């Protein structure tokens, strides 16, 4: 059974249809990349999986771990093991990363019928996971994303992913605004978190991220549908030919 099955998914914001019949299957142990031009539905797809209420699903289903999750609220989806790394992480002034993560981890444990971590257990876990993204103690003690650089915000996102240990992680343009050093650190963190038990979806415009996080499959989301799927080399072809190549192919097929 696939970890995530998306079948004939149609979705809109207000009167504007954005997704027009998306089909996608993702298994445990796989890394998938979703590429495509701006405004073609990549972030919409991520938001719908995570439970963002601003999108309206008009047709289709999203089956995660054997459950149709479209009726589940966002917090329950997170507790079920779905993680979304944002393109533009929000600031939470006055809330330290340590307190934020302790609350999140223990709420997840409560949902799963586990006892909360003690202070000592939590700090031990936090020290272990900080190493994944080379996070300093000074950064961990600050308010969530407040005054962070773009690289620090993305580093914090991957740290949160490490702490929560999701079964399905969706990274929405996590390379946006990163210099080459920050990109290397963030990608290295993601690679350390890959396992046979989880799956990762990387949403990006650019092939450069996929030099660091090598996907098993690349999908092209174009005008609301996944129109092409291939191996990692597909990203190189897109880099070389651009998305007009996709449009021309579709026109030739009469789609």
Protein backbone atom coordinates (compact mmCIF):
# COMPACT_ATOMS: atom_id res chain seq x y z
CA UNK A 1 0.00 0.00 0.00
CA UNK A 2 1.31 3.44 -0.95
CA UNK A 3 1.99 5.86 1.87
CA UNK A 4 0.23 8.64 -0.08
CA UNK A 5 -2.23 8.21 -2.94
CA UNK A 6 -3.72 11.28 -4.60
CA UNK A 7 -6.50 10.45 -7.02
CA UNK A 8 -8.11 12.86 -9.50
CA UNK A 9 -7.64 15.82 -7.18
CA UNK A 10 -9.40 19.03 -8.19
CA UNK A 11 -9.14 22.13 -6.01
CA UNK A 12 -9.81 25.83 -6.13
CA UNK A 13 -9.49 29.13 -4.30
CA UNK A 14 -12.78 30.95 -4.57
CA UNK A 15 -13.94 30.63 -8.18
CA UNK A 16 -10.49 29.88 -9.57
CA UNK A 17 -9.70 26.22 -10.22
CA UNK A 18 -6.02 25.51 -9.58
CA UNK A 19 -5.68 21.72 -9.49
CA UNK A 20 -7.38 19.99 -12.39
CA UNK A 21 -7.01 16.27 -11.77
CA UNK A 22 -3.74 15.50 -9.95
CA UNK A 23 -2.76 11.85 -9.60
CA UNK A 24 0.28 10.87 -7.53
CA UNK A 25 1.51 7.85 -5.58
CA UNK A 26 4.34 7.97 -3.04
CA UNK A 27 5.77 5.00 -1.16
CA UNK A 28 7.82 4.83 2.01
CA UNK A 29 11.53 5.17 1.38
CA UNK A 30 11.07 7.41 -1.65
CA UNK A 31 12.01 11.01 -2.40
CA UNK A 32 9.85 12.79 -4.98
CA UNK A 33 10.48 16.19 -6.52
CA UNK A 34 7.63 18.30 -7.89
CA UNK A 35 8.72 20.97 -10.36
CA UNK A 36 6.81 23.48 -12.44
CA UNK A 37 6.39 27.18 -13.18
CA UNK A 38 4.94 29.64 -10.67
CA UNK A 39 1.17 29.61 -10.32
CA UNK A 40 0.63 26.09 -11.60
CA UNK A 41 -0.41 24.44 -8.33
CA UNK A 42 2.70 23.20 -6.52
CA UNK A 43 2.13 25.08 -3.25
CA UNK A 44 -1.61 24.47 -3.53
CA UNK A 45 -0.98 20.71 -3.62
CA UNK A 46 1.30 20.96 -0.58
CA UNK A 47 -1.25 23.05 1.31
CA UNK A 48 -4.09 20.64 0.58
CA UNK A 49 -2.11 17.64 1.84
CA UNK A 50 -1.23 19.53 5.02
CA UNK A 51 -4.81 20.79 5.52
CA UNK A 52 -4.71 24.49 4.69
CA UNK A 53 -8.38 25.57 4.87
CA UNK A 54 -8.10 28.30 2.22
CA UNK A 55 -8.27 25.66 -0.52
CA UNK A 56 -11.51 23.96 -1.51
CA UNK A 57 -11.29 20.40 -2.79
CA UNK A 58 -14.05 19.91 -5.37
CA UNK A 59 -13.27 16.37 -6.48
CA UNK A 60 -10.92 13.48 -5.74
CA UNK A 61 -9.29 12.06 -2.64
CA UNK A 62 -6.05 12.10 -0.68
CA UNK A 63 -5.30 8.77 1.00
CA UNK A 64 -2.51 8.86 3.57
CA UNK A 65 -1.51 5.71 5.44
CA UNK A 66 -4.79 4.10 4.42
CA UNK A 67 -7.00 7.03 5.52
CA UNK A 68 -8.78 9.65 3.45
CA UNK A 69 -7.46 12.72 5.26
CA UNK A 70 -9.44 15.48 3.53
CA UNK A 71 -11.83 15.77 6.47
CA UNK A 72 -9.06 15.84 9.11
CA UNK A 73 -8.08 19.21 10.63
CA UNK A 74 -4.53 20.44 10.14
CA UNK A 75 -3.38 19.60 13.69
CA UNK A 76 -4.59 16.02 13.37
CA UNK A 77 -2.79 15.59 10.05
CA UNK A 78 0.41 16.83 11.70
CA UNK A 79 -0.08 14.39 14.58
CA UNK A 80 -0.58 11.60 12.02
CA UNK A 81 2.94 12.33 10.73
CA UNK A 82 2.59 14.92 7.95
CA UNK A 83 5.08 17.80 8.01
CA UNK A 84 5.08 20.88 5.79
CA UNK A 85 8.20 23.04 5.51
CA UNK A 86 7.10 26.50 4.39
CA UNK A 87 8.57 28.60 1.62
CA UNK A 88 8.22 31.64 3.90
CA UNK A 89 8.37 30.48 7.55
CA UNK A 90 6.49 32.79 9.93
CA UNK A 91 7.96 34.57 12.94
CA UNK A 92 6.53 33.87 16.42
CA UNK A 93 7.85 36.66 18.68
CA UNK A 94 8.15 35.83 22.38
CA UNK A 95 8.07 32.04 21.91
CA UNK A 96 11.45 30.34 22.13
CA UNK A 97 12.26 27.52 19.74
CA UNK A 98 12.87 25.27 22.75
CA UNK A 99 9.42 25.86 24.26
CA UNK A 100 7.73 25.72 20.87
CA UNK A 101 9.28 22.36 20.03
CA UNK A 102 8.69 20.86 23.48
CA UNK A 103 4.98 21.68 23.17
CA UNK A 104 4.81 20.30 19.61
CA UNK A 105 6.65 17.07 20.42
CA UNK A 106 4.60 16.36 23.54
CA UNK A 107 1.30 17.13 21.80
CA UNK A 108 2.26 14.63 19.12
CA UNK A 109 3.15 12.05 21.78
CA UNK A 110 -0.17 12.65 23.55
CA UNK A 111 -2.08 12.04 20.30
CA UNK A 112 -0.23 8.73 19.92
CA UNK A 113 -0.93 7.64 23.49
CA UNK A 114 2.63 8.18 24.74
CA UNK A 115 3.78 9.91 27.90
CA UNK A 116 5.30 13.41 27.52
CA UNK A 117 9.07 13.69 27.52
CA UNK A 118 10.62 14.93 30.74
CA UNK A 119 12.73 18.08 30.61
CA UNK A 120 15.94 16.04 30.59
CA UNK A 121 14.67 13.67 27.89
CA UNK A 122 13.57 16.56 25.72
CA UNK A 123 16.88 18.41 26.02
CA UNK A 124 18.78 15.23 25.16
CA UNK A 125 16.63 14.78 22.03
CA UNK A 126 17.07 18.43 21.10
CA UNK A 127 20.87 18.27 21.40
CA UNK A 128 20.90 15.21 19.16
CA UNK A 129 18.69 16.79 16.48
CA UNK A 130 20.50 20.15 16.51
CA UNK A 131 23.50 18.36 15.03
CA UNK A 132 21.46 17.40 11.96
CA UNK A 133 21.44 21.00 10.72
CA UNK A 134 24.43 22.37 12.61
CA UNK A 135 22.16 24.54 14.78
CA UNK A 136 23.87 26.51 17.55
CA UNK A 137 22.53 26.77 21.09
CA UNK A 138 22.31 30.54 20.64
CA UNK A 139 19.95 30.10 17.68
CA UNK A 140 17.84 27.50 19.50
CA UNK A 141 17.28 29.88 22.42
CA UNK A 142 15.85 32.67 20.25
CA UNK A 143 12.17 33.27 19.46
CA UNK A 144 10.88 31.23 16.54
CA UNK A 145 12.28 32.77 13.34
CA UNK A 146 12.30 36.29 14.83
CA UNK A 147 15.04 38.27 13.11
CA UNK A 148 16.36 35.13 11.41
CA UNK A 149 18.08 35.27 8.05
CA UNK A 150 16.58 33.24 5.22
CA UNK A 151 19.13 30.49 5.81
CA UNK A 152 18.46 30.40 9.56
CA UNK A 153 14.71 30.11 8.97
CA UNK A 154 15.16 27.16 6.63
CA UNK A 155 17.65 25.56 9.01
CA UNK A 156 15.05 25.88 11.76
CA UNK A 157 12.43 24.24 9.52
CA UNK A 158 14.62 21.17 9.01
CA UNK A 159 15.41 21.10 12.73
CA UNK A 160 11.65 21.00 13.42
CA UNK A 161 11.35 18.18 10.91
CA UNK A 162 14.10 16.28 12.73
CA UNK A 163 12.39 16.77 16.09
CA UNK A 164 8.96 15.66 14.88
CA UNK A 165 10.23 12.73 12.79
CA UNK A 166 7.37 12.80 10.25
CA UNK A 167 6.38 9.91 8.04
CA UNK A 168 5.68 12.30 5.15
CA UNK A 169 7.67 15.53 4.85
CA UNK A 170 6.76 18.12 2.21
CA UNK A 171 9.37 20.83 1.65
CA UNK A 172 7.89 23.75 -0.28
CA UNK A 173 10.69 25.60 -2.07
CA UNK A 174 13.04 25.11 0.84
CA UNK A 175 15.88 26.35 -1.38
CA UNK A 176 14.24 29.76 -1.85
CA UNK A 177 16.61 32.57 -0.85
CA UNK A 178 19.45 30.28 0.27
CA UNK A 179 23.09 30.92 -0.51
CA UNK A 180 25.23 27.93 -1.44
CA UNK A 181 26.47 27.27 2.12
CA UNK A 182 22.99 27.39 3.65
CA UNK A 183 21.69 25.19 0.84
CA UNK A 184 24.36 22.60 1.56
CA UNK A 185 23.57 22.54 5.30
CA UNK A 186 19.80 22.31 4.79
CA UNK A 187 20.10 19.62 2.10
CA UNK A 188 22.53 17.64 4.25
CA UNK A 189 19.99 17.74 7.08
CA UNK A 190 17.24 16.46 4.81
CA UNK A 191 19.44 13.64 3.56
CA UNK A 192 20.25 12.57 7.13
CA UNK A 193 16.51 12.28 7.80
CA UNK A 194 15.79 10.04 4.81
CA UNK A 195 14.87 6.48 5.78
CA UNK A 196 13.06 3.39 4.50
CA UNK A 197 10.13 4.28 6.76
CA UNK A 198 9.43 7.82 5.56
CA UNK A 199 8.91 9.72 2.33
CA UNK A 200 9.99 13.22 1.33
CA UNK A 201 8.45 15.53 -1.28
CA UNK A 202 10.66 18.37 -2.48
CA UNK A 203 8.91 21.23 -4.31
CA UNK A 204 11.31 23.40 -6.28
CA UNK A 205 11.72 25.51 -9.42
CA UNK A 206 15.38 24.75 -9.86
CA UNK A 207 17.51 21.73 -10.54
CA UNK A 208 20.33 22.94 -8.25
CA UNK A 209 18.62 21.67 -5.08
CA UNK A 210 18.37 18.22 -6.64
CA UNK A 211 22.16 18.08 -6.92
CA UNK A 212 22.09 17.81 -3.12
CA UNK A 213 18.80 16.00 -2.46
CA UNK A 214 18.67 13.40 -5.21
CA UNK A 215 15.07 12.34 -5.94
CA UNK A 216 13.85 8.92 -7.00
CA UNK A 217 11.16 10.55 -9.15
CA UNK A 218 10.65 13.99 -10.68
CA UNK A 219 7.12 15.16 -11.53
CA UNK A 220 6.19 18.20 -13.61
CA UNK A 221 3.08 19.98 -12.36
CA UNK A 222 1.84 22.15 -15.20
CA UNK A 223 -1.49 23.97 -15.47
CA UNK A 224 -2.96 22.05 -12.56
CA UNK A 225 -1.96 18.50 -13.56
CA UNK A 226 1.09 16.27 -13.34
CA UNK A 227 1.90 16.00 -17.01
CA UNK A 228 5.27 14.26 -16.91
CA UNK A 229 7.13 11.94 -14.53
CA UNK A 230 10.65 10.66 -14.86
CA UNK A 231 13.93 9.90 -13.09
CA UNK A 232 16.24 12.57 -11.65
CA UNK A 233 17.56 13.31 -15.16
CA UNK A 234 14.21 14.90 -16.02
CA UNK A 235 15.21 17.86 -13.82
CA UNK A 236 18.34 18.36 -15.94
CA UNK A 237 16.25 18.35 -19.11
CA UNK A 238 13.92 20.97 -17.61
CA UNK A 239 16.92 23.09 -16.68
CA UNK A 240 18.19 22.89 -20.25
CA UNK A 241 14.93 23.26 -22.20
CA UNK A 242 12.69 25.21 -19.81
CA UNK A 243 8.98 24.78 -19.27
CA UNK A 244 8.10 25.90 -22.80
CA UNK A 245 9.34 22.45 -23.83
CA UNK A 246 6.54 20.94 -21.74
CA UNK A 247 3.97 23.25 -23.31
CA UNK A 248 5.15 22.34 -26.80
CA UNK A 249 4.97 18.62 -26.00
CA UNK A 250 1.42 18.98 -24.71
CA UNK A 251 0.39 20.97 -27.78
CA UNK A 252 1.78 18.26 -30.04
CA UNK A 253 -0.24 15.65 -28.15
CA UNK A 254 -3.33 17.85 -28.33
CA UNK A 255 -3.66 18.03 -24.53
